[in-house]
C-alpha atoms as a PDB file:
ATOM      1  CA  MET A   1     -41.261  67.854  71.288  1.00  0.00           C
ATOM      2  CA  LEU A   2     -44.555  66.707  69.835  1.00  0.00           C
ATOM      3  CA  ARG A   3     -42.905  63.824  68.027  1.00  0.00           C
ATOM      4  CA  LYS A   4     -41.546  62.427  71.292  1.00  0.00           C
ATOM      5  CA  LYS A   5     -44.724  62.917  73.344  1.00  0.00           C
ATOM      6  CA  ALA A   6     -47.619  62.129  70.996  1.00  0.00           C
ATOM      7  CA  HIS A   7     -48.096  58.371  70.750  1.00  0.00           C
ATOM      8  CA  ALA A   8     -50.732  58.592  68.058  1.00  0.00           C
ATOM      9  CA  THR A   9     -51.112  61.188  65.366  1.00  0.00           C
ATOM     10  CA  THR A  10     -54.502  62.160  66.765  1.00  0.00           C
ATOM     11  CA  GLU A  11     -53.157  63.263  70.183  1.00  0.00           C
ATOM     12  CA  TRP A  12     -50.985  66.173  69.084  1.00  0.00           C
ATOM     13  CA  ASP A  13     -53.659  68.824  69.681  1.00  0.00           C
ATOM     14  CA  LYS A  14     -54.074  67.717  73.314  1.00  0.00           C
ATOM     15  CA  ILE A  15     -50.343  67.877  74.008  1.00  0.00           C
ATOM     16  CA  LEU A  16     -49.641  71.113  72.100  1.00  0.00           C
ATOM     17  CA  PRO A  17     -50.400  73.575  74.987  1.00  0.00           C
ATOM     18  CA  ALA A  18     -48.014  71.742  77.319  1.00  0.00           C
ATOM     19  CA  CYS A  19     -45.286  71.706  74.662  1.00  0.00           C
ATOM     20  CA  VAL A  20     -45.736  75.427  73.989  1.00  0.00           C
ATOM     21  CA  PHE A  21     -45.542  76.157  77.731  1.00  0.00           C
ATOM     22  CA  ALA A  22     -42.408  74.026  78.087  1.00  0.00           C
ATOM     23  CA  TYR A  23     -40.737  75.606  75.071  1.00  0.00           C
ATOM     24  CA  ASN A  24     -41.582  79.204  75.964  1.00  0.00           C
ATOM     25  CA  ASN A  25     -41.174  79.097  79.741  1.00  0.00           C
ATOM     26  CA  THR A  26     -38.715  76.409  80.775  1.00  0.00           C
ATOM     27  CA  THR A  27     -36.075  76.672  78.067  1.00  0.00           C
ATOM     28  CA  ALA A  28     -33.266  79.195  78.442  1.00  0.00           C
ATOM     29  CA  HIS A  29     -33.214  81.574  75.482  1.00  0.00           C
ATOM     30  CA  GLU A  30     -29.947  82.340  73.731  1.00  0.00           C
ATOM     31  CA  SER A  31     -30.338  86.119  73.878  1.00  0.00           C
ATOM     32  CA  THR A  32     -30.850  86.325  77.671  1.00  0.00           C
ATOM     33  CA  GLY A  33     -29.390  83.087  78.984  1.00  0.00           C
ATOM     34  CA  GLU A  34     -32.503  82.507  81.121  1.00  0.00           C
ATOM     35  CA  SER A  35     -36.065  81.360  80.567  1.00  0.00           C
ATOM     36  CA  PRO A  36     -38.662  84.105  80.033  1.00  0.00           C
ATOM     37  CA  PHE A  37     -40.623  82.813  83.045  1.00  0.00           C
ATOM     38  CA  PHE A  38     -37.593  83.233  85.349  1.00  0.00           C
ATOM     39  CA  ILE A  39     -36.861  86.758  84.098  1.00  0.00           C
ATOM     40  CA  LEU A  40     -40.485  87.785  84.557  1.00  0.00           C
ATOM     41  CA  HIS A  41     -41.246  86.106  87.907  1.00  0.00           C
ATOM     42  CA  ARG A  42     -37.742  85.610  89.396  1.00  0.00           C
ATOM     43  CA  PHE A  43     -38.243  81.912  90.095  1.00  0.00           C
ATOM     44  CA  ASP A  44     -38.163  78.843  87.910  1.00  0.00           C
ATOM     45  CA  THR A  45     -41.327  77.280  86.585  1.00  0.00           C
ATOM     46  CA  HIS A  46     -43.030  74.612  88.672  1.00  0.00           C
ATOM     47  CA  VAL A  47     -43.732  71.796  86.274  1.00  0.00           C
ATOM     48  CA  PRO A  48     -45.355  68.427  87.062  1.00  0.00           C
ATOM     49  CA  TRP A  49     -42.104  66.487  86.865  1.00  0.00           C
ATOM     50  CA  ASP A  50     -40.656  68.703  89.621  1.00  0.00           C
ATOM     51  CA  ALA A  51     -43.569  67.958  91.988  1.00  0.00           C
ATOM     52  CA  ALA A  52     -42.207  64.561  93.017  1.00  0.00           C
ATOM     53  CA  GLU A  53     -38.940  66.134  94.129  1.00  0.00           C
ATOM     54  CA  SER A  54     -40.596  68.955  96.078  1.00  0.00           C
ATOM     55  CA  GLU A  55     -42.989  66.757  98.069  1.00  0.00           C
ATOM     56  CA  GLY A  56     -41.846  65.940 101.568  1.00  0.00           C
ATOM     57  CA  SER A  57     -39.456  68.869 101.859  1.00  0.00           C
ATOM     58  CA  LYS A  58     -38.128  69.227 105.409  1.00  0.00           C
ATOM     59  CA  TYR A  59     -36.947  72.801 104.991  1.00  0.00           C
ATOM     60  CA  ALA A  60     -38.962  75.762 106.213  1.00  0.00           C
ATOM     61  CA  VAL A  61     -38.400  79.168 104.657  1.00  0.00           C
ATOM     62  CA  ASP A  62     -38.208  82.411 106.607  1.00  0.00           C
ATOM     63  CA  ILE A  63     -40.241  84.988 104.680  1.00  0.00           C
ATOM     64  CA  ASP A  64     -37.953  87.960 105.434  1.00  0.00           C
ATOM     65  CA  SER A  65     -34.792  86.187 104.336  1.00  0.00           C
ATOM     66  CA  TYR A  66     -36.613  84.824 101.290  1.00  0.00           C
ATOM     67  CA  VAL A  67     -37.642  88.347 100.247  1.00  0.00           C
ATOM     68  CA  GLN A  68     -34.060  89.599 100.633  1.00  0.00           C
ATOM     69  CA  GLU A  69     -32.640  86.664  98.695  1.00  0.00           C
ATOM     70  CA  LEU A  70     -35.277  87.146  96.016  1.00  0.00           C
ATOM     71  CA  ALA A  71     -34.405  90.848  95.668  1.00  0.00           C
ATOM     72  CA  ILE A  72     -30.692  90.026  95.339  1.00  0.00           C
ATOM     73  CA  ALA A  73     -31.411  87.219  92.870  1.00  0.00           C
ATOM     74  CA  THR A  74     -33.639  89.565  90.874  1.00  0.00           C
ATOM     75  CA  GLN A  75     -30.899  92.156  90.625  1.00  0.00           C
ATOM     76  CA  ILE A  76     -28.301  89.554  89.636  1.00  0.00           C
ATOM     77  CA  ALA A  77     -30.618  88.017  87.029  1.00  0.00           C
ATOM     78  CA  ARG A  78     -31.416  91.431  85.562  1.00  0.00           C
ATOM     79  CA  GLN A  79     -27.724  92.378  85.344  1.00  0.00           C
ATOM     80  CA  TYR A  80     -26.855  89.036  83.775  1.00  0.00           C
ATOM     81  CA  ALA A  81     -29.675  89.331  81.241  1.00  0.00           C
ATOM     82  CA  GLN A  82     -28.563  92.870  80.351  1.00  0.00           C
ATOM     83  CA  GLU A  83     -24.959  91.734  79.834  1.00  0.00           C
ATOM     84  CA  VAL A  84     -25.969  88.789  77.671  1.00  0.00           C
ATOM     85  CA  ASN A  85     -28.419  90.962  75.744  1.00  0.00           C
ATOM     86  CA  LYS A  86     -25.707  93.569  75.100  1.00  0.00           C
ATOM     87  CA  LYS A  87     -23.352  90.870  73.794  1.00  0.00           C
ATOM     88  CA  MET A  88     -26.091  89.500  71.549  1.00  0.00           C
ATOM     89  CA  ARG A  89     -26.914  92.970  70.179  1.00  0.00           C
ATOM     90  CA  ASN A  90     -23.234  93.579  69.410  1.00  0.00           C
ATOM     91  CA  ARG A  91     -22.979  90.175  67.731  1.00  0.00           C
ATOM     92  CA  MET A  92     -26.120  90.797  65.675  1.00  0.00           C
ATOM     93  CA  LYS A  93     -24.843  94.242  64.678  1.00  0.00           C
ATOM     94  CA  SER A  94     -21.511  92.854  63.520  1.00  0.00           C
ATOM     95  CA  VAL A  95     -23.266  90.125  61.504  1.00  0.00           C
ATOM     96  CA  TYR A  96     -25.581  92.726  59.938  1.00  0.00           C
ATOM     97  CA  ASP A  97     -22.694  95.080  59.181  1.00  0.00           C
ATOM     98  CA  HIS A  98     -20.733  92.242  57.602  1.00  0.00           C
ATOM     99  CA  ASP A  99     -23.679  91.022  55.511  1.00  0.00           C
ATOM    100  CA  LYS A 100     -24.695  94.495  54.347  1.00  0.00           C
ATOM    101  CA  ARG A 101     -21.075  95.630  53.914  1.00  0.00           C
ATOM    102  CA  VAL A 102     -21.662  98.667  56.096  1.00  0.00           C
ATOM    103  CA  CYS A 103     -18.784 101.117  55.881  1.00  0.00           C
ATOM    104  CA  VAL A 104     -17.851 102.297  59.342  1.00  0.00           C
ATOM    105  CA  GLU A 105     -15.099 104.618  58.160  1.00  0.00           C
ATOM    106  CA  PRO A 106     -16.398 108.192  58.222  1.00  0.00           C
ATOM    107  CA  SER A 107     -15.846 110.486  55.287  1.00  0.00           C
ATOM    108  CA  LYS A 108     -13.064 113.022  55.642  1.00  0.00           C
ATOM    109  CA  VAL A 109     -13.413 116.776  55.159  1.00  0.00           C
ATOM    110  CA  GLY A 110     -12.682 117.689  51.538  1.00  0.00           C
ATOM    111  CA  GLU A 111     -13.424 114.215  50.218  1.00  0.00           C
ATOM    112  CA  ARG A 112     -15.645 113.675  47.162  1.00  0.00           C
ATOM    113  CA  VAL A 113     -18.732 111.544  47.827  1.00  0.00           C
ATOM    114  CA  TYR A 114     -21.995 110.503  46.213  1.00  0.00           C
ATOM    115  CA  MET A 115     -25.195 110.719  48.267  1.00  0.00           C
ATOM    116  CA  MET A 116     -27.986 108.163  48.092  1.00  0.00           C
ATOM    117  CA  ILE A 117     -31.396 109.835  48.082  1.00  0.00           C
ATOM    118  CA  PRO A 118     -34.070 107.094  48.210  1.00  0.00           C
ATOM    119  CA  SER A 119     -36.966 109.568  48.591  1.00  0.00           C
ATOM    120  CA  GLU A 120     -36.567 110.743  44.995  1.00  0.00           C
ATOM    121  CA  LYS A 121     -36.816 107.167  43.808  1.00  0.00           C
ATOM    122  CA  GLN A 122     -40.062 106.629  45.707  1.00  0.00           C
ATOM    123  CA  SER A 123     -41.705 109.850  44.537  1.00  0.00           C
ATOM    124  CA  SER A 124     -40.857 109.287  40.884  1.00  0.00           C
ATOM    125  CA  ARG A 125     -43.322 108.061  38.288  1.00  0.00           C
ATOM    126  CA  ASP A 126     -40.879 105.372  37.136  1.00  0.00           C
ATOM    127  CA  PRO A 127     -38.865 104.419  40.242  1.00  0.00           C
ATOM    128  CA  LYS A 128     -36.894 101.708  38.455  1.00  0.00           C
ATOM    129  CA  LEU A 129     -35.420 104.250  36.063  1.00  0.00           C
ATOM    130  CA  VAL A 130     -34.395 106.839  38.655  1.00  0.00           C
ATOM    131  CA  ASN A 131     -30.762 107.010  39.708  1.00  0.00           C
ATOM    132  CA  PRO A 132     -30.840 107.139  43.538  1.00  0.00           C
ATOM    133  CA  TRP A 133     -27.343 108.634  43.698  1.00  0.00           C
ATOM    134  CA  GLU A 134     -26.687 112.360  43.560  1.00  0.00           C
ATOM    135  CA  GLY A 135     -23.335 113.971  43.186  1.00  0.00           C
ATOM    136  CA  PRO A 136     -20.505 114.337  43.211  1.00  0.00           C
ATOM    137  CA  SER A 137     -20.502 116.293  46.447  1.00  0.00           C
ATOM    138  CA  ARG A 138     -17.722 117.578  48.673  1.00  0.00           C
ATOM    139  CA  VAL A 139     -17.690 116.957  52.446  1.00  0.00           C
ATOM    140  CA  LEU A 140     -17.535 120.262  54.331  1.00  0.00           C
ATOM    141  CA  GLU A 141     -17.926 119.065  57.915  1.00  0.00           C
ATOM    142  CA  THR A 142     -18.370 115.742  59.726  1.00  0.00           C
ATOM    143  CA  SER A 143     -19.645 114.554  63.090  1.00  0.00           C
ATOM    144  CA  ASP A 144     -20.050 111.107  64.659  1.00  0.00           C
ATOM    145  CA  ASN A 145     -23.124 110.148  62.656  1.00  0.00           C
ATOM    146  CA  SER A 146     -23.593 112.760  59.927  1.00  0.00           C
ATOM    147  CA  ALA A 147     -21.818 114.976  57.424  1.00  0.00           C
ATOM    148  CA  ILE A 148     -22.496 118.317  55.770  1.00  0.00           C
ATOM    149  CA  VAL A 149     -21.895 118.214  52.026  1.00  0.00           C
ATOM    150  CA  THR A 150     -22.238 120.577  49.094  1.00  0.00           C
ATOM    151  CA  LEU A 151     -22.824 119.663  45.482  1.00  0.00           C
ATOM    152  CA  ILE A 152     -19.876 120.219  43.172  1.00  0.00           C
ATOM    153  CA  LYS A 153     -20.935 122.204  40.148  1.00  0.00           C
ATOM    154  CA  LEU A 154     -19.256 120.731  37.112  1.00  0.00           C
ATOM    155  CA  THR A 155     -18.712 123.648  34.750  1.00  0.00           C
ATOM    156  CA  LYS A 156     -16.154 122.067  32.465  1.00  0.00           C
ATOM    157  CA  THR A 157     -17.571 120.919  29.164  1.00  0.00           C
ATOM    158  CA  LYS A 158     -15.952 118.610  26.735  1.00  0.00           C
ATOM    159  CA  SER A 159     -16.155 119.265  23.051  1.00  0.00           C
ATOM    160  CA  LEU A 160     -16.337 116.295  20.766  1.00  0.00           C
END
């Protein structure tokens, strides 16, 4: 924006506040689909380039009907922003899960697993040398977001 508006390199600091206002308040954001100014105030920003169009308006507004229309528009805008925000959160979650290779398959009862215990790594004197994994363990019970496990005691010894 500054490149298109500043005619000389010394004028950028005078134009910067207007560019910041235009970028933050008149541009629709991807996560909500609306400008932050519209979501906050429920009407679009009045900017100088809109003043020429609004001068000489022949229409009078009834306050009561305007308040009702504004309340309806507010509700619609809020619902739309919530829907778009939910879609964006789901999209961001799927991108994160894909990048971090998050396993969404829960462990099954009776399955052998290793548990990652990062707190032991942090409390150790030499955290780079600590193995953060503990196990093997056996899954006793599972729920939607957790599992109860017990350590398997390995009693077999191998003679060399």
